[in-house]
Amino acid sequence: MKDATILYVADDKEFVELLVNILENNDVSIVQTRLGLGDSLFARLKVSLTQANFAVLVLSRAFFERPWPSFELDEVATIDRGYNNEGGRLLPIWHNITQQDISFRSSALARRIGVSSRFGGTEFVAQEIMSEVKVNASNSHRNYIQQYEIKSRTTTQLSEKNLPDLQKVLVEYFTASELEIMSFQLQIDYEDLSGATKSEKAISLIAYMRRRGRLDELIQLVYQQRPNLIA
């Protein structure tokens, strides 16, 4: 898994390339994701959080010139819920833009602490990202054994013998959009799953994976995305 994915619009490419150069020269592994025509911001961020420890989102005037729906911007503000109790995995960069500017488009997104490129420049932004990566690496080492034990209990509790529990988790702790993204990660066409409601889709997904002997894959994906469900 990479340290971070940086998501940005084309107009911010020069800034992002300079930022990536600094980070990679300091041994921070990066995936660049340019947001383009037809993209769902929420979906691209959700996938990014399965590929990297952090999703760095460059917020700029060019970014907000794109017609992102206001509800999607508000969803983005809470996209990393359930992943980590010790801190957020979404790292907003305020590139030549103020917190007040962001609040005009999404008050929820404006409430997320960001790092501004206007104060200290690209080098300062890179240092802030590196600081988060370093803390995450330290926490990962400290929690390795604890995570292994939680993972084992999750597999035991959400097993083939407890399919109603698995269905309940999918329905209560995942949105319909998240179920669709999960299906994509499992290489399943969400539209091929029977049912119209989220509950029906969850049942169909479980049945699909069970018939193909892949139920453990679904269980482990649930664990990865909601590790705090099992205390």
Protein backbone atom coordinates (compact mmCIF):
# COMPACT_ATOMS: atom_id res chain seq x y z
CA MET A 1 0.00 0.00 0.00
CA LYS A 2 1.25 3.48 -0.88
CA ASP A 3 1.70 6.23 1.69
CA ALA A 4 -0.69 8.63 -0.02
CA THR A 5 -2.80 9.30 -3.08
CA ILE A 6 -2.99 12.90 -4.28
CA LEU A 7 -6.24 13.83 -6.05
CA TYR A 8 -6.36 17.03 -8.08
CA VAL A 9 -7.83 18.72 -11.15
CA ALA A 10 -5.75 19.41 -14.28
CA ASP A 11 -5.18 23.12 -13.54
CA ASP A 12 -3.26 22.21 -10.37
CA LYS A 13 -0.92 19.76 -12.12
CA GLU A 14 2.18 21.98 -11.80
CA PHE A 15 1.72 22.40 -8.06
CA VAL A 16 1.08 18.67 -7.58
CA GLU A 17 4.14 17.62 -9.58
CA LEU A 18 6.36 19.87 -7.46
CA LEU A 19 4.75 18.51 -4.28
CA VAL A 20 5.16 14.88 -5.40
CA ASN A 21 8.81 15.50 -6.27
CA ILE A 22 9.52 16.74 -2.73
CA LEU A 23 7.63 13.85 -1.11
CA GLU A 24 9.22 11.13 -3.22
CA ASN A 25 12.68 12.57 -2.56
CA ASN A 26 11.88 12.01 1.11
CA ASP A 27 10.84 8.37 0.58
CA VAL A 28 7.09 8.99 0.67
CA SER A 29 5.35 6.76 -1.88
CA ILE A 30 2.68 8.57 -3.89
CA VAL A 31 -0.08 7.77 -6.38
CA GLN A 32 -1.30 10.69 -8.50
CA THR A 33 -5.00 10.71 -9.38
CA ARG A 34 -6.25 13.42 -11.72
CA LEU A 35 -9.96 14.09 -11.43
CA GLY A 36 -11.51 14.25 -14.88
CA LEU A 37 -14.72 14.37 -16.84
CA GLY A 38 -17.39 12.00 -15.55
CA ASP A 39 -15.64 11.22 -12.26
CA SER A 40 -17.49 10.82 -8.99
CA LEU A 41 -15.42 12.61 -6.37
CA PHE A 42 -16.71 10.40 -3.55
CA ALA A 43 -16.06 7.18 -5.49
CA ARG A 44 -12.53 8.17 -6.53
CA LEU A 45 -11.66 9.10 -2.96
CA LYS A 46 -13.14 5.87 -1.63
CA VAL A 47 -11.04 3.79 -4.00
CA SER A 48 -7.97 5.87 -3.08
CA LEU A 49 -8.38 4.93 0.56
CA THR A 50 -8.06 1.26 -0.40
CA GLN A 51 -4.81 1.98 -2.26
CA ALA A 52 -3.02 4.27 0.17
CA ASN A 53 -2.89 5.18 3.85
CA PHE A 54 -3.94 8.77 3.13
CA ALA A 55 -5.94 10.58 0.47
CA VAL A 56 -4.59 14.09 -0.15
CA LEU A 57 -7.26 16.27 -1.78
CA VAL A 58 -6.12 19.51 -3.42
CA LEU A 59 -8.85 22.12 -2.91
CA SER A 60 -8.41 25.16 -5.15
CA ARG A 61 -10.43 27.65 -7.14
CA ALA A 62 -10.03 25.37 -10.17
CA PHE A 63 -11.32 22.44 -8.12
CA PHE A 64 -14.44 24.33 -7.07
CA GLU A 65 -15.07 25.51 -10.62
CA ARG A 66 -16.04 21.91 -11.35
CA PRO A 67 -19.79 21.32 -10.83
CA TRP A 68 -19.45 19.00 -7.84
CA PRO A 69 -22.88 18.46 -6.22
CA SER A 70 -23.02 20.04 -2.76
CA PHE A 71 -24.20 16.78 -1.18
CA GLU A 72 -21.13 14.99 -2.58
CA LEU A 73 -18.77 17.59 -1.12
CA ASP A 74 -20.45 17.08 2.26
CA GLU A 75 -20.08 13.29 1.89
CA VAL A 76 -16.38 13.73 1.18
CA ALA A 77 -15.94 15.49 4.52
CA THR A 78 -16.87 12.25 6.33
CA ILE A 79 -15.44 9.74 3.87
CA ASP A 80 -12.81 8.39 6.27
CA ARG A 81 -15.22 7.64 9.11
CA GLY A 82 -14.81 4.16 10.53
CA TYR A 83 -11.23 3.78 9.31
CA ASN A 84 -9.13 5.14 12.11
CA ASN A 85 -10.05 6.31 15.61
CA GLU A 86 -6.74 8.17 16.02
CA GLY A 87 -7.01 10.61 13.13
CA GLY A 88 -8.39 11.27 9.70
CA ARG A 89 -7.12 9.72 6.49
CA LEU A 90 -8.39 12.58 4.33
CA LEU A 91 -5.79 15.37 4.18
CA PRO A 92 -7.17 18.56 2.56
CA ILE A 93 -4.75 21.01 0.95
CA TRP A 94 -5.99 24.58 0.66
CA HIS A 95 -4.13 25.65 -2.51
CA ASN A 96 -4.33 29.43 -2.90
CA ILE A 97 -7.76 29.35 -1.28
CA THR A 98 -9.07 30.15 2.19
CA GLN A 99 -11.22 28.21 4.61
CA GLN A 100 -13.93 30.83 4.12
CA ASP A 101 -13.86 30.24 0.35
CA ILE A 102 -14.42 26.52 0.96
CA SER A 103 -17.30 27.18 3.36
CA PHE A 104 -19.29 28.82 0.55
CA ARG A 105 -19.39 25.43 -1.22
CA SER A 106 -19.41 23.02 1.74
CA SER A 107 -19.47 23.97 5.41
CA ALA A 108 -18.74 20.33 6.32
CA LEU A 109 -15.59 20.25 4.20
CA ALA A 110 -14.49 23.63 5.54
CA ARG A 111 -14.58 22.20 9.07
CA ARG A 112 -11.85 19.69 8.18
CA ILE A 113 -8.41 21.01 9.13
CA GLY A 114 -6.33 21.62 6.03
CA VAL A 115 -2.81 22.80 5.23
CA SER A 116 -2.51 26.02 3.25
CA SER A 117 -0.04 26.48 0.40
CA ARG A 118 -0.33 30.24 0.86
CA PHE A 119 1.68 30.10 4.10
CA GLY A 120 5.04 28.40 3.68
CA GLY A 121 4.54 27.21 0.11
CA THR A 122 4.88 23.73 -1.32
CA GLU A 123 7.71 22.76 1.03
CA PHE A 124 5.54 23.47 4.07
CA VAL A 125 2.66 21.41 2.63
CA ALA A 126 5.05 18.51 1.99
CA GLN A 127 6.38 18.66 5.55
CA GLU A 128 2.85 18.47 6.96
CA ILE A 129 2.05 15.42 4.83
CA MET A 130 5.32 13.75 5.80
CA SER A 131 4.52 14.35 9.46
CA GLU A 132 1.20 12.49 9.11
CA VAL A 133 2.87 9.64 7.22
CA LYS A 134 5.51 9.30 9.95
CA VAL A 135 2.90 9.17 12.73
CA ASN A 136 0.91 6.59 10.78
CA ALA A 137 3.98 4.38 10.31
CA SER A 138 4.67 4.50 14.04
CA ASN A 139 1.06 3.62 14.91
CA SER A 140 1.02 0.77 12.39
CA HIS A 141 4.05 -0.82 14.01
CA ARG A 142 2.62 -0.44 17.52
CA ASN A 143 -0.77 -1.86 16.57
CA TYR A 144 0.33 -4.79 14.40
CA ILE A 145 -0.38 -7.54 16.92
CA GLN A 146 -3.65 -5.93 18.05
CA GLN A 147 -4.86 -5.67 14.44
CA TYR A 148 -4.01 -9.31 13.81
CA GLU A 149 -6.12 -10.37 16.80
CA ILE A 150 -9.04 -8.18 15.70
CA LYS A 151 -8.82 -9.58 12.20
CA SER A 152 -8.99 -13.12 13.54
CA ARG A 153 -12.06 -12.34 15.65
CA THR A 154 -13.74 -10.61 12.73
CA THR A 155 -13.29 -13.66 10.51
CA THR A 156 -14.69 -15.85 13.27
CA GLN A 157 -17.72 -13.68 14.03
CA LEU A 158 -18.58 -12.77 10.43
CA SER A 159 -18.36 -16.31 9.13
CA GLU A 160 -20.58 -18.50 6.96
CA LYS A 161 -22.34 -19.60 10.16
CA ASN A 162 -23.27 -16.01 10.91
CA LEU A 163 -24.48 -14.68 7.58
CA PRO A 164 -27.29 -12.60 9.19
CA ASP A 165 -24.60 -10.72 11.14
CA LEU A 166 -22.66 -10.03 7.94
CA GLN A 167 -25.81 -8.78 6.24
CA LYS A 168 -26.55 -6.52 9.21
CA VAL A 169 -23.06 -5.01 9.07
CA LEU A 170 -23.33 -4.30 5.35
CA VAL A 171 -26.74 -2.66 5.71
CA GLU A 172 -26.12 -0.65 8.90
CA TYR A 173 -22.50 0.46 8.42
CA PHE A 174 -22.18 0.94 4.65
CA THR A 175 -24.01 3.29 2.32
CA ALA A 176 -25.39 2.13 -1.02
CA SER A 177 -22.52 3.94 -2.75
CA GLU A 178 -20.00 2.12 -0.58
CA LEU A 179 -21.58 -1.25 -1.41
CA GLU A 180 -21.24 -0.40 -5.08
CA ILE A 181 -17.57 0.49 -4.66
CA MET A 182 -16.99 -2.68 -2.64
CA SER A 183 -18.52 -4.73 -5.47
CA PHE A 184 -16.18 -3.01 -7.92
CA GLN A 185 -13.19 -3.92 -5.74
CA LEU A 186 -14.37 -7.54 -5.75
CA GLN A 187 -14.69 -7.37 -9.55
CA ILE A 188 -18.46 -7.74 -9.46
CA ASP A 189 -20.88 -5.72 -11.58
CA TYR A 190 -23.13 -4.08 -9.00
CA GLU A 191 -25.97 -3.83 -11.50
CA ASP A 192 -25.92 -7.62 -11.90
CA LEU A 193 -26.75 -8.11 -8.23
CA SER A 194 -30.46 -8.73 -7.78
CA GLY A 195 -32.68 -6.41 -5.73
CA ALA A 196 -33.46 -2.72 -5.69
CA THR A 197 -32.85 -1.76 -2.04
CA LYS A 198 -29.55 -1.67 -0.18
CA SER A 199 -30.63 -4.63 1.96
CA GLU A 200 -31.53 -6.71 -1.10
CA LYS A 201 -28.23 -5.86 -2.77
CA ALA A 202 -26.33 -6.87 0.39
CA ILE A 203 -28.09 -10.25 0.48
CA SER A 204 -27.35 -10.77 -3.22
CA LEU A 205 -23.68 -9.84 -2.74
CA ILE A 206 -23.28 -12.31 0.13
CA ALA A 207 -25.00 -15.06 -1.87
CA TYR A 208 -22.82 -14.37 -4.91
CA MET A 209 -19.58 -14.61 -2.90
CA ARG A 210 -20.77 -17.69 -0.99
CA ARG A 211 -21.63 -19.61 -4.17
CA ARG A 212 -18.15 -18.99 -5.52
CA GLY A 213 -16.28 -19.83 -2.34
CA ARG A 214 -15.12 -16.23 -1.95
CA LEU A 215 -16.94 -15.27 1.24
CA ASP A 216 -13.66 -14.76 3.12
CA GLU A 217 -12.70 -12.07 0.58
CA LEU A 218 -15.86 -10.13 1.39
CA ILE A 219 -15.33 -10.54 5.14
CA GLN A 220 -11.73 -9.30 4.94
CA LEU A 221 -12.80 -6.30 2.86
CA VAL A 222 -15.40 -5.43 5.51
CA TYR A 223 -12.64 -5.65 8.13
CA GLN A 224 -10.31 -3.40 6.14
CA GLN A 225 -12.92 -0.70 5.69
CA ARG A 226 -14.51 -0.88 9.16
CA PRO A 227 -11.82 -2.19 11.55
CA ASN A 228 -13.43 -0.45 14.55
CA LEU A 229 -16.60 -2.56 14.33
CA ILE A 230 -14.93 -5.31 16.33
CA ALA A 231 -13.60 -4.07 19.65
